[in-house]
Amino acid sequence: MKLKIKFINIETGGPLIALIHKTDSIRFDINPGDRISIHKGKAHMILFVDVTDDKKEISPGYLGVYKEVLKEIKLKDKEPIEITEEHKPDSLKYIKKKVDGYNLEKEEISRIVKDLVHHHITPFEASYFVAGCYIHGMSLDESAFLTEAIVKNSKKLEIKSNGIIADKHCTGGVPNNRTTMIIVPILAAAGLKIPKTSTRSITSPAGTADTMEILAPVEHTKERIKEIVEKCGACIVWGGTRDLASADDLLIKLEKPLDLDPEGILLASILAKKSVVNSTHILIDLPVGQHAKHNKNEAKVLAKKFKAIGKKLKMIIKPIITNGEDIIGNGVGPALEAKDILEILSGKGPTDLKEKSIKLSNILLKMVKKKPIAREILESGKADKKMREIIKEQGGNSKIKSNDIVLGKFTYNYKSKRSGKIKEVNIKLISRIAKYAGAPTDKGAGIYMHKKLSDNVKEGEKLFTIYGESKDKLNYAKNEAEKNNIFVIKWF
């Protein structure tokens, strides 16, 4: 069957969709949600059908195609195109198998990932795979298969090196903890190659990519990333670029609406990003604590899994368990965290974030048989100089200062009602309040902590400040802060 192409100047934001008139739907027995193939020469593409009876949108005899389709295949407006009906892909059977609680084989996971990347299944259909992994968990083999499938459907970043490419990842759960943006320039200044690809926020008020974006663009092509790393020795970019681990970013988008973060997908997501940039030596930060993502026993199990999968991928992985009882750094939210980074690099800033960054940098330096001179590099200004090189090369302002960063104009100061000592910090609540204030979407929103665990506080002293770009969101965050206690304080 043939229809004429009609361009529709709209992006669907995801699946590849074609629009047909109800007359053609009846004539060809094609219903909403069905799959069709369009063929042009050797090229073909699978599209999902939508149907309308409005002739203003699409006339009978025409096939409406959206912007995403036109990016994938060259078509001319009004040209006739051959159409065939497509059956549902086998990947849907494998997704159902996972939902039913069964483990998947390598070929089955590979097919799911391939169909996800090539838009042969919809995000709605793929979300059942994420849900199945969340409910039933994943075996170590499944995580390894998923890692390999993501890498197989990605393009690798080939960088000239002496055989060593360093990398670092934190499993998250602790607000701020933005050590990556200190470690990367330290290691690059020490002569290591460290192409850092990072995620945007999944469940937190900011991811590394969100924070770096305050200082410089983070979305670059594979070719441009290679140029940046070969010039500066490092980069801090978003890992969901079309060329690098795009399947990983698609899975992250599916997890986000319900804040799902299945462990098996977490493992695969992290290690796939490392594999596509050819990382050889990787430090994994596993924070543990009462309100952190993991307790100590869970972290130990996760550490073993990282090492086991890393071995399959020929990576040297060193997981370390760190203290996650309190926020690391002062600000929570993209702009506030970026301020912390610039202050530390310039010789000021929060001590806890500085010291942890030095500690982790030295561990990585020892992993690659280099002297642990992170403190010297940071305090001499070499790391600051290197970071500004990276910022400039990624298209940012290399002369930016912490005071140049714009914060939300609406603020609320929470003050201590009495004097006492902080005995416990609810870091989950800190993250929740920062998100209620608008982070990470509103870059200047978040929360700044004036006090930390074990600090003494005086009556009337500021404990934290909430920033918002919107008055409504600020009030939402303020109400959450007043209803719940971030701190457990022993009153004097």
Protein backbone atom coordinates (compact mmCIF):
# COMPACT_ATOMS: atom_id res chain seq x y z
CA MET A 1 0.00 0.00 0.00
CA LYS A 2 1.14 3.54 -0.75
CA LEU A 3 0.43 6.93 0.83
CA LYS A 4 1.84 10.39 0.18
CA ILE A 5 4.12 11.99 2.76
CA LYS A 6 2.98 15.08 4.66
CA PHE A 7 5.45 16.87 6.96
CA ILE A 8 4.16 17.75 10.44
CA ASN A 9 6.36 20.39 12.05
CA ILE A 10 6.01 19.02 15.60
CA GLU A 11 8.28 16.91 17.81
CA THR A 12 6.61 14.07 19.70
CA GLY A 13 9.37 13.95 22.29
CA GLY A 14 9.99 10.24 21.92
CA PRO A 15 8.46 7.51 19.75
CA LEU A 16 8.41 7.64 15.96
CA ILE A 17 4.78 8.34 15.09
CA ALA A 18 2.84 8.48 11.82
CA LEU A 19 -0.60 10.04 11.46
CA ILE A 20 -3.24 8.71 9.07
CA HIS A 21 -6.84 9.65 8.38
CA LYS A 22 -9.64 7.43 9.68
CA THR A 23 -10.65 6.64 6.07
CA ASP A 24 -7.24 5.02 5.44
CA SER A 25 -7.34 3.36 8.86
CA ILE A 26 -10.53 1.53 7.83
CA ARG A 27 -9.35 0.91 4.25
CA PHE A 28 -6.05 -0.71 5.29
CA ASP A 29 -7.31 -2.12 8.62
CA ILE A 30 -4.65 -0.19 10.58
CA ASN A 31 -5.60 0.87 14.10
CA PRO A 32 -4.14 3.36 16.61
CA GLY A 33 -1.00 1.90 18.21
CA ASP A 34 -0.31 -0.50 15.32
CA ARG A 35 3.17 -0.59 13.82
CA ILE A 36 3.91 0.10 10.16
CA SER A 37 7.12 0.18 8.11
CA ILE A 38 7.93 2.83 5.55
CA HIS A 39 10.38 1.91 2.80
CA LYS A 40 12.57 4.17 0.69
CA GLY A 41 15.30 2.46 -1.30
CA LYS A 42 17.31 0.33 1.12
CA ALA A 43 16.17 2.38 4.11
CA HIS A 44 13.16 1.44 6.19
CA MET A 45 11.71 2.60 9.47
CA ILE A 46 9.10 1.31 11.91
CA LEU A 47 6.49 3.86 13.00
CA PHE A 48 3.59 3.82 15.46
CA VAL A 49 0.22 4.78 14.00
CA ASP A 50 -2.07 7.50 15.27
CA VAL A 51 -5.48 8.09 13.66
CA THR A 52 -7.57 11.25 13.18
CA ASP A 53 -10.85 12.04 11.46
CA ASP A 54 -9.91 15.73 11.10
CA LYS A 55 -9.08 16.47 7.45
CA LYS A 56 -7.34 19.69 8.51
CA GLU A 57 -4.74 17.58 10.31
CA ILE A 58 -4.30 14.95 7.61
CA SER A 59 -6.22 14.21 4.41
CA PRO A 60 -7.09 10.70 3.21
CA GLY A 61 -4.26 9.29 1.10
CA TYR A 62 -1.54 11.00 3.16
CA LEU A 63 0.84 9.83 5.88
CA GLY A 64 1.78 12.52 8.39
CA VAL A 65 5.32 12.23 9.74
CA TYR A 66 6.74 14.20 12.67
CA LYS A 67 10.16 15.83 13.09
CA GLU A 68 11.82 12.78 14.69
CA VAL A 69 11.04 10.68 11.60
CA LEU A 70 12.55 13.27 9.27
CA LYS A 71 15.78 13.20 11.28
CA GLU A 72 16.11 9.46 10.67
CA ILE A 73 15.16 9.08 7.01
CA LYS A 74 15.25 11.52 4.06
CA LEU A 75 11.75 12.13 2.73
CA LYS A 76 10.16 14.68 0.42
CA ASP A 77 6.83 16.33 1.09
CA LYS A 78 4.02 14.74 -0.97
CA GLU A 79 6.24 11.93 -2.29
CA PRO A 80 4.55 8.48 -2.45
CA ILE A 81 5.93 5.99 0.07
CA GLU A 82 5.52 2.23 0.36
CA ILE A 83 3.93 1.10 3.64
CA THR A 84 3.69 -2.37 5.16
CA GLU A 85 2.16 -3.52 8.42
CA GLU A 86 4.59 -4.70 11.12
CA HIS A 87 4.07 -7.35 13.76
CA LYS A 88 4.85 -6.70 17.41
CA PRO A 89 8.56 -7.30 18.11
CA ASP A 90 9.78 -10.27 20.16
CA SER A 91 11.20 -7.83 22.72
CA LEU A 92 7.67 -7.35 24.08
CA LYS A 93 7.53 -11.07 24.92
CA TYR A 94 10.84 -10.74 26.77
CA ILE A 95 9.61 -7.70 28.69
CA LYS A 96 6.54 -9.66 29.78
CA LYS A 97 8.81 -12.53 30.80
CA LYS A 98 10.66 -10.14 33.15
CA VAL A 99 7.41 -8.74 34.52
CA ASP A 100 6.39 -12.34 35.27
CA GLY A 101 9.53 -12.70 37.39
CA TYR A 102 11.81 -14.77 35.14
CA ASN A 103 15.48 -14.07 34.43
CA LEU A 104 16.32 -13.05 30.87
CA GLU A 105 18.96 -14.47 28.54
CA LYS A 106 21.68 -12.38 26.91
CA GLU A 107 19.95 -12.35 23.50
CA GLU A 108 16.63 -11.31 25.06
CA ILE A 109 18.11 -8.31 26.90
CA SER A 110 20.10 -7.38 23.80
CA ARG A 111 16.90 -7.33 21.73
CA ILE A 112 15.05 -5.16 24.28
CA VAL A 113 17.86 -2.59 24.29
CA LYS A 114 18.21 -2.62 20.49
CA ASP A 115 14.47 -2.10 20.00
CA LEU A 116 14.44 0.68 22.61
CA VAL A 117 17.30 2.55 20.90
CA HIS A 118 15.75 2.17 17.43
CA HIS A 119 12.26 3.15 18.68
CA HIS A 120 10.74 -0.21 17.77
CA ILE A 121 9.09 -0.23 21.20
CA THR A 122 7.45 2.75 22.87
CA PRO A 123 8.64 4.29 26.15
CA PHE A 124 5.36 3.06 27.64
CA GLU A 125 6.17 -0.53 26.63
CA ALA A 126 9.80 -0.26 27.78
CA SER A 127 8.71 1.11 31.17
CA TYR A 128 7.38 -2.37 31.98
CA PHE A 129 10.95 -3.68 31.66
CA VAL A 130 12.12 -1.13 34.24
CA ALA A 131 9.17 -2.03 36.49
CA GLY A 132 9.95 -5.75 36.15
CA CYS A 133 13.58 -5.14 37.15
CA TYR A 134 12.45 -2.99 40.08
CA ILE A 135 9.95 -5.55 41.39
CA HIS A 136 11.89 -8.78 40.78
CA GLY A 137 15.49 -7.55 40.77
CA MET A 138 18.17 -8.64 38.30
CA SER A 139 20.76 -11.38 38.49
CA LEU A 140 24.44 -10.52 38.16
CA ASP A 141 24.41 -12.05 34.68
CA GLU A 142 21.41 -9.94 33.66
CA SER A 143 23.20 -6.76 34.80
CA ALA A 144 26.29 -7.79 32.82
CA PHE A 145 24.13 -8.60 29.76
CA LEU A 146 22.40 -5.20 30.04
CA THR A 147 25.77 -3.42 30.33
CA GLU A 148 27.04 -5.20 27.21
CA ALA A 149 23.81 -4.46 25.32
CA ILE A 150 23.97 -0.73 26.13
CA VAL A 151 27.62 -0.62 25.02
CA LYS A 152 26.87 -2.63 21.85
CA ASN A 153 24.21 -0.07 20.88
CA SER A 154 26.52 2.88 21.57
CA LYS A 155 29.54 4.39 19.85
CA LYS A 156 32.80 4.17 21.80
CA LEU A 157 34.93 7.21 22.50
CA GLU A 158 38.46 6.46 21.30
CA ILE A 159 40.99 8.65 23.13
CA LYS A 160 44.76 8.63 22.83
CA SER A 161 46.24 7.55 26.16
CA ASN A 162 49.07 5.54 27.68
CA GLY A 163 46.62 2.70 28.28
CA ILE A 164 45.14 4.28 31.41
CA ILE A 165 41.84 6.15 31.48
CA ALA A 166 40.66 7.05 34.97
CA ASP A 167 37.06 7.43 36.07
CA LYS A 168 34.96 7.85 39.17
CA HIS A 169 31.32 7.38 40.09
CA CYS A 170 29.15 7.86 43.16
CA THR A 171 25.97 5.82 43.63
CA GLY A 172 24.30 8.89 45.13
CA GLY A 173 21.83 9.39 47.92
CA VAL A 174 23.81 12.15 49.67
CA PRO A 175 22.91 15.77 48.84
CA ASN A 176 25.61 17.73 46.98
CA ASN A 177 28.62 15.37 47.44
CA ARG A 178 29.83 16.91 44.18
CA THR A 179 33.36 15.47 44.45
CA THR A 180 33.54 14.65 40.73
CA MET A 181 33.90 18.30 39.77
CA ILE A 182 36.94 18.63 42.07
CA ILE A 183 38.46 15.21 41.30
CA VAL A 184 38.35 15.59 37.49
CA PRO A 185 40.53 18.74 37.31
CA ILE A 186 42.89 17.37 40.00
CA LEU A 187 43.51 14.16 38.03
CA ALA A 188 43.76 15.98 34.70
CA ALA A 189 46.30 18.38 36.25
CA ALA A 190 48.23 15.28 37.40
CA GLY A 191 48.47 14.15 33.77
CA LEU A 192 45.70 11.55 33.67
CA LYS A 193 43.01 11.23 31.01
CA ILE A 194 39.55 11.38 32.61
CA PRO A 195 36.63 11.74 30.15
CA LYS A 196 33.80 12.10 32.68
CA THR A 197 30.34 11.43 31.35
CA SER A 198 27.67 12.11 33.94
CA THR A 199 23.92 11.87 34.29
CA ARG A 200 21.40 14.55 34.91
CA SER A 201 19.34 14.15 38.06
CA ILE A 202 17.29 10.96 38.30
CA THR A 203 15.91 11.24 41.84
CA SER A 204 18.14 13.98 43.33
CA PRO A 205 17.99 17.82 43.31
CA ALA A 206 20.97 17.87 40.92
CA GLY A 207 23.18 15.50 38.97
CA THR A 208 26.77 16.27 38.06
CA ALA A 209 25.68 17.24 34.53
CA ASP A 210 23.07 19.66 35.94
CA THR A 211 25.70 21.33 38.14
CA MET A 212 28.38 21.49 35.44
CA GLU A 213 25.83 23.06 33.10
CA ILE A 214 25.86 26.15 35.34
CA LEU A 215 29.49 26.62 34.29
CA ALA A 216 29.53 25.31 30.70
CA PRO A 217 27.43 23.42 28.14
CA VAL A 218 27.44 19.66 28.76
CA GLU A 219 25.79 18.36 25.58
CA HIS A 220 28.43 17.68 22.93
CA THR A 221 28.90 15.25 20.05
CA LYS A 222 31.26 12.31 20.39
CA GLU A 223 33.75 14.04 18.09
CA ARG A 224 33.66 17.24 20.13
CA ILE A 225 34.09 15.34 23.43
CA LYS A 226 37.18 13.67 21.96
CA GLU A 227 38.62 17.09 21.00
CA ILE A 228 37.97 18.47 24.51
CA VAL A 229 39.64 15.51 26.25
CA GLU A 230 42.64 15.44 23.92
CA LYS A 231 43.18 19.17 24.53
CA CYS A 232 42.44 19.38 28.29
CA GLY A 233 42.93 15.78 29.41
CA ALA A 234 39.38 15.74 30.74
CA CYS A 235 35.76 16.75 30.28
CA ILE A 236 32.58 16.80 32.37
CA VAL A 237 29.72 16.16 29.95
CA TRP A 238 26.25 14.68 29.85
CA GLY A 239 26.42 10.94 29.16
CA GLY A 240 23.10 10.78 27.31
CA THR A 241 24.34 12.38 24.12
CA ARG A 242 23.01 10.67 20.99
CA ASP A 243 26.36 8.99 20.29
CA LEU A 244 27.29 7.78 23.79
CA ALA A 245 25.20 5.24 25.74
CA SER A 246 21.92 6.65 24.44
CA ALA A 247 20.12 3.49 25.64
CA ASP A 248 21.24 4.33 29.15
CA ASP A 249 19.67 7.78 28.96
CA LEU A 250 16.43 6.30 27.60
CA LEU A 251 16.27 3.93 30.59
CA ILE A 252 16.94 6.83 32.98
CA LYS A 253 14.00 8.76 31.46
CA LEU A 254 11.75 5.76 32.12
CA GLU A 255 12.89 5.55 35.76
CA LYS A 256 12.37 9.21 36.53
CA PRO A 257 8.54 9.63 36.77
CA LEU A 258 8.25 7.24 39.74
CA ASP A 259 11.80 7.77 41.09
CA LEU A 260 12.60 4.12 40.32
CA ASP A 261 16.28 3.15 40.41
CA PRO A 262 16.53 -0.67 40.17
CA GLU A 263 19.91 -1.90 41.39
CA GLY A 264 20.55 -4.08 38.34
CA ILE A 265 19.92 -1.19 35.96
CA LEU A 266 22.01 1.08 38.20
CA LEU A 267 24.99 -1.27 37.87
CA ALA A 268 24.59 -1.56 34.11
CA SER A 269 24.02 2.17 33.66
CA ILE A 270 27.18 3.14 35.54
CA LEU A 271 29.49 0.58 33.97
CA ALA A 272 28.14 1.07 30.44
CA LYS A 273 28.99 4.76 30.64
CA LYS A 274 32.50 3.81 31.76
CA SER A 275 32.88 1.22 29.01
CA VAL A 276 31.89 3.53 26.14
CA VAL A 277 34.70 5.94 27.10
CA ASN A 278 37.14 3.01 27.53
CA SER A 279 37.74 3.63 31.25
CA THR A 280 40.34 1.26 32.72
CA HIS A 281 40.59 2.33 36.40
CA ILE A 282 37.36 3.26 38.16
CA LEU A 283 36.67 4.39 41.71
CA ILE A 284 33.13 3.79 42.97
CA ASP A 285 31.96 5.88 45.94
CA LEU A 286 29.29 4.07 48.01
CA PRO A 287 27.94 6.42 50.72
CA VAL A 288 26.20 4.68 53.65
CA GLY A 289 24.11 6.06 56.49
CA GLN A 290 20.76 6.08 58.26
CA HIS A 291 19.10 8.23 55.58
CA ALA A 292 21.47 7.38 52.69
CA LYS A 293 20.57 5.17 49.72
CA HIS A 294 22.44 2.17 51.17
CA ASN A 295 23.30 0.77 54.58
CA LYS A 296 26.72 -0.79 55.15
CA ASN A 297 25.68 -4.38 54.37
CA GLU A 298 23.91 -3.34 51.16
CA ALA A 299 26.97 -1.35 50.11
CA LYS A 300 29.26 -4.35 50.67
CA VAL A 301 27.04 -6.52 48.45
CA LEU A 302 26.89 -3.79 45.79
CA ALA A 303 30.69 -3.39 45.91
CA LYS A 304 31.13 -7.11 45.14
CA LYS A 305 28.71 -6.84 42.21
CA PHE A 306 30.58 -3.86 40.77
CA LYS A 307 33.86 -5.76 40.94
CA ALA A 308 32.35 -8.91 39.44
CA ILE A 309 30.77 -7.13 36.46
CA GLY A 310 33.87 -4.96 36.05
CA LYS A 311 35.99 -8.09 35.79
CA LYS A 312 33.77 -9.36 32.95
CA LEU A 313 34.34 -6.03 31.18
CA LYS A 314 38.12 -6.05 31.90
CA MET A 315 37.95 -2.98 34.16
CA ILE A 316 39.89 -2.39 37.39
CA ILE A 317 37.24 -1.26 39.86
CA LYS A 318 37.80 -0.12 43.44
CA PRO A 319 34.58 0.43 45.41
CA ILE A 320 34.94 2.35 48.68
CA ILE A 321 32.33 2.79 51.40
CA THR A 322 32.07 6.39 52.66
CA ASN A 323 30.14 8.24 55.36
CA GLY A 324 26.68 9.30 54.17
CA GLU A 325 25.21 10.49 57.46
CA ASP A 326 25.34 14.16 56.46
CA ILE A 327 25.29 16.41 53.41
CA ILE A 328 28.76 16.85 51.84
CA GLY A 329 29.19 20.50 50.87
CA ASN A 330 26.83 23.34 51.74
CA GLY A 331 24.55 23.96 48.76
CA VAL A 332 21.97 21.59 47.27
CA GLY A 333 20.69 22.39 43.77
CA PRO A 334 22.63 23.07 40.53
CA ALA A 335 23.63 26.71 41.10
CA LEU A 336 24.32 26.33 44.83
CA GLU A 337 26.50 23.27 44.20
CA ALA A 338 28.40 25.04 41.41
CA LYS A 339 29.17 27.88 43.86
CA ASP A 340 30.67 25.35 46.30
CA ILE A 341 32.87 23.93 43.52
CA LEU A 342 34.29 27.28 42.42
CA GLU A 343 34.93 28.31 46.02
CA ILE A 344 36.86 25.11 46.79
CA LEU A 345 38.93 25.40 43.61
CA SER A 346 39.80 28.99 44.54
CA GLY A 347 40.96 28.02 48.04
CA LYS A 348 37.79 28.56 50.07
CA GLY A 349 34.50 26.67 50.29
CA PRO A 350 33.22 23.81 52.46
CA THR A 351 35.99 21.79 54.11
CA ASP A 352 34.13 18.46 54.10
CA LEU A 353 33.70 18.46 50.31
CA LYS A 354 37.30 19.58 49.81
CA GLU A 355 38.76 16.88 52.07
CA LYS A 356 36.65 14.08 50.60
CA SER A 357 37.64 15.14 47.07
CA ILE A 358 41.34 15.07 48.03
CA LYS A 359 40.95 11.64 49.64
CA LEU A 360 39.21 10.11 46.60
CA SER A 361 41.66 11.74 44.18
CA ASN A 362 44.60 10.23 46.06
CA ILE A 363 43.01 6.77 45.96
CA LEU A 364 42.67 7.03 42.17
CA LEU A 365 46.23 8.33 41.82
CA LYS A 366 47.49 5.32 43.80
CA MET A 367 45.39 2.98 41.62
CA VAL A 368 47.37 4.11 38.57
CA LYS A 369 50.73 4.04 40.43
CA LYS A 370 51.08 7.82 40.75
CA LYS A 371 52.07 9.82 43.83
CA PRO A 372 49.10 10.91 46.00
CA ILE A 373 49.64 14.66 45.51
CA ALA A 374 45.99 15.76 45.24
CA ARG A 375 46.23 18.32 48.05
CA GLU A 376 49.27 19.96 46.46
CA ILE A 377 47.52 20.15 43.08
CA LEU A 378 44.35 21.63 44.59
CA GLU A 379 45.96 24.10 46.99
CA SER A 380 48.52 25.31 44.42
CA GLY A 381 45.73 26.45 42.09
CA LYS A 382 46.61 23.90 39.38
CA ALA A 383 43.20 22.22 39.65
CA ASP A 384 41.43 25.60 39.37
CA LYS A 385 43.46 26.43 36.26
CA LYS A 386 42.64 23.03 34.73
CA MET A 387 38.92 23.37 35.52
CA ARG A 388 38.85 26.74 33.78
CA GLU A 389 40.50 25.17 30.73
CA ILE A 390 37.74 22.56 30.67
CA ILE A 391 35.02 25.18 31.14
CA LYS A 392 36.41 27.25 28.25
CA GLU A 393 36.80 24.26 25.94
CA GLN A 394 33.21 23.16 26.66
CA GLY A 395 31.95 26.62 25.71
CA GLY A 396 31.61 28.31 29.10
CA ASN A 397 33.07 31.46 30.66
CA SER A 398 36.48 30.50 32.05
CA LYS A 399 36.61 33.68 34.17
CA ILE A 400 33.40 32.93 36.07
CA LYS A 401 33.48 33.49 39.83
CA SER A 402 31.22 31.99 42.49
CA ASN A 403 29.53 35.37 43.03
CA ASP A 404 28.57 35.48 39.34
CA ILE A 405 26.26 32.50 39.77
CA VAL A 406 22.61 33.58 40.02
CA LEU A 407 20.48 32.03 42.77
CA GLY A 408 16.70 32.03 43.12
CA LYS A 409 15.44 35.49 44.11
CA PHE A 410 12.90 34.17 46.63
CA THR A 411 14.41 33.02 49.94
CA TYR A 412 13.38 31.69 53.32
CA ASN A 413 15.67 31.44 56.35
CA TYR A 414 14.92 28.70 58.87
CA LYS A 415 16.23 29.64 62.32
CA SER A 416 16.87 27.61 65.45
CA LYS A 417 14.19 27.97 68.11
CA ARG A 418 16.65 27.18 70.92
CA SER A 419 20.33 26.53 71.54
CA GLY A 420 21.68 23.00 71.27
CA LYS A 421 23.81 20.49 69.35
CA ILE A 422 22.87 18.73 66.10
CA LYS A 423 22.75 14.96 66.69
CA GLU A 424 21.20 13.76 63.42
CA VAL A 425 20.55 15.06 59.89
CA ASN A 426 17.75 13.81 57.62
CA ILE A 427 19.51 14.06 54.26
CA LYS A 428 16.49 12.64 52.39
CA LEU A 429 14.41 15.54 53.67
CA ILE A 430 17.08 18.03 52.57
CA SER A 431 16.86 16.62 49.03
CA ARG A 432 13.06 16.65 49.09
CA ILE A 433 12.90 20.29 50.18
CA ALA A 434 15.41 21.29 47.47
CA LYS A 435 13.27 19.52 44.86
CA TYR A 436 10.07 21.11 46.18
CA ALA A 437 11.82 24.48 45.79
CA GLY A 438 12.25 23.69 42.07
CA ALA A 439 15.65 21.98 41.71
CA PRO A 440 17.01 20.75 39.36
CA THR A 441 14.65 22.21 36.71
CA ASP A 442 14.94 25.66 38.27
CA LYS A 443 18.72 25.97 38.30
CA GLY A 444 18.83 28.66 41.01
CA ALA A 445 16.54 26.77 43.38
CA GLY A 446 17.66 24.62 46.29
CA ILE A 447 18.75 24.75 49.90
CA TYR A 448 21.91 26.07 51.54
CA MET A 449 22.92 24.44 54.84
CA HIS A 450 24.48 26.81 57.37
CA LYS A 451 24.85 24.04 59.96
CA LYS A 452 25.96 20.39 59.83
CA LEU A 453 26.01 17.25 61.98
CA SER A 454 27.65 17.79 65.42
CA ASP A 455 27.55 21.59 65.10
CA ASN A 456 26.41 23.70 68.06
CA VAL A 457 23.56 26.10 67.31
CA LYS A 458 22.32 29.19 69.09
CA GLU A 459 18.74 30.37 69.47
CA GLY A 460 17.79 32.50 66.45
CA GLU A 461 20.77 31.30 64.38
CA LYS A 462 20.17 30.40 60.70
CA LEU A 463 20.15 26.62 60.15
CA PHE A 464 19.43 26.68 56.41
CA THR A 465 18.19 28.96 53.62
CA ILE A 466 15.78 27.82 50.90
CA TYR A 467 16.09 29.46 47.46
CA GLY A 468 13.35 29.48 44.83
CA GLU A 469 12.81 31.01 41.40
CA SER A 470 9.07 30.85 42.01
CA LYS A 471 7.21 32.12 45.08
CA ASP A 472 4.76 29.20 44.95
CA LYS A 473 7.52 26.60 44.87
CA LEU A 474 9.37 28.37 47.67
CA ASN A 475 6.23 28.28 49.83
CA TYR A 476 5.78 24.60 49.01
CA ALA A 477 9.35 23.88 50.18
CA LYS A 478 8.94 26.15 53.22
CA ASN A 479 5.80 24.27 54.33
CA GLU A 480 7.65 20.95 54.00
CA ALA A 481 10.55 22.29 56.09
CA GLU A 482 8.21 23.55 58.81
CA LYS A 483 6.19 20.32 58.97
CA ASN A 484 9.25 18.07 59.29
CA ASN A 485 12.60 18.30 61.06
CA ILE A 486 15.80 18.21 59.01
CA PHE A 487 17.77 18.17 62.26
CA VAL A 488 17.50 16.22 65.48
CA ILE A 489 18.91 18.68 68.04
CA LYS A 490 19.83 18.02 71.65
CA TRP A 491 18.74 21.22 73.36
CA PHE A 492 20.95 22.85 75.98
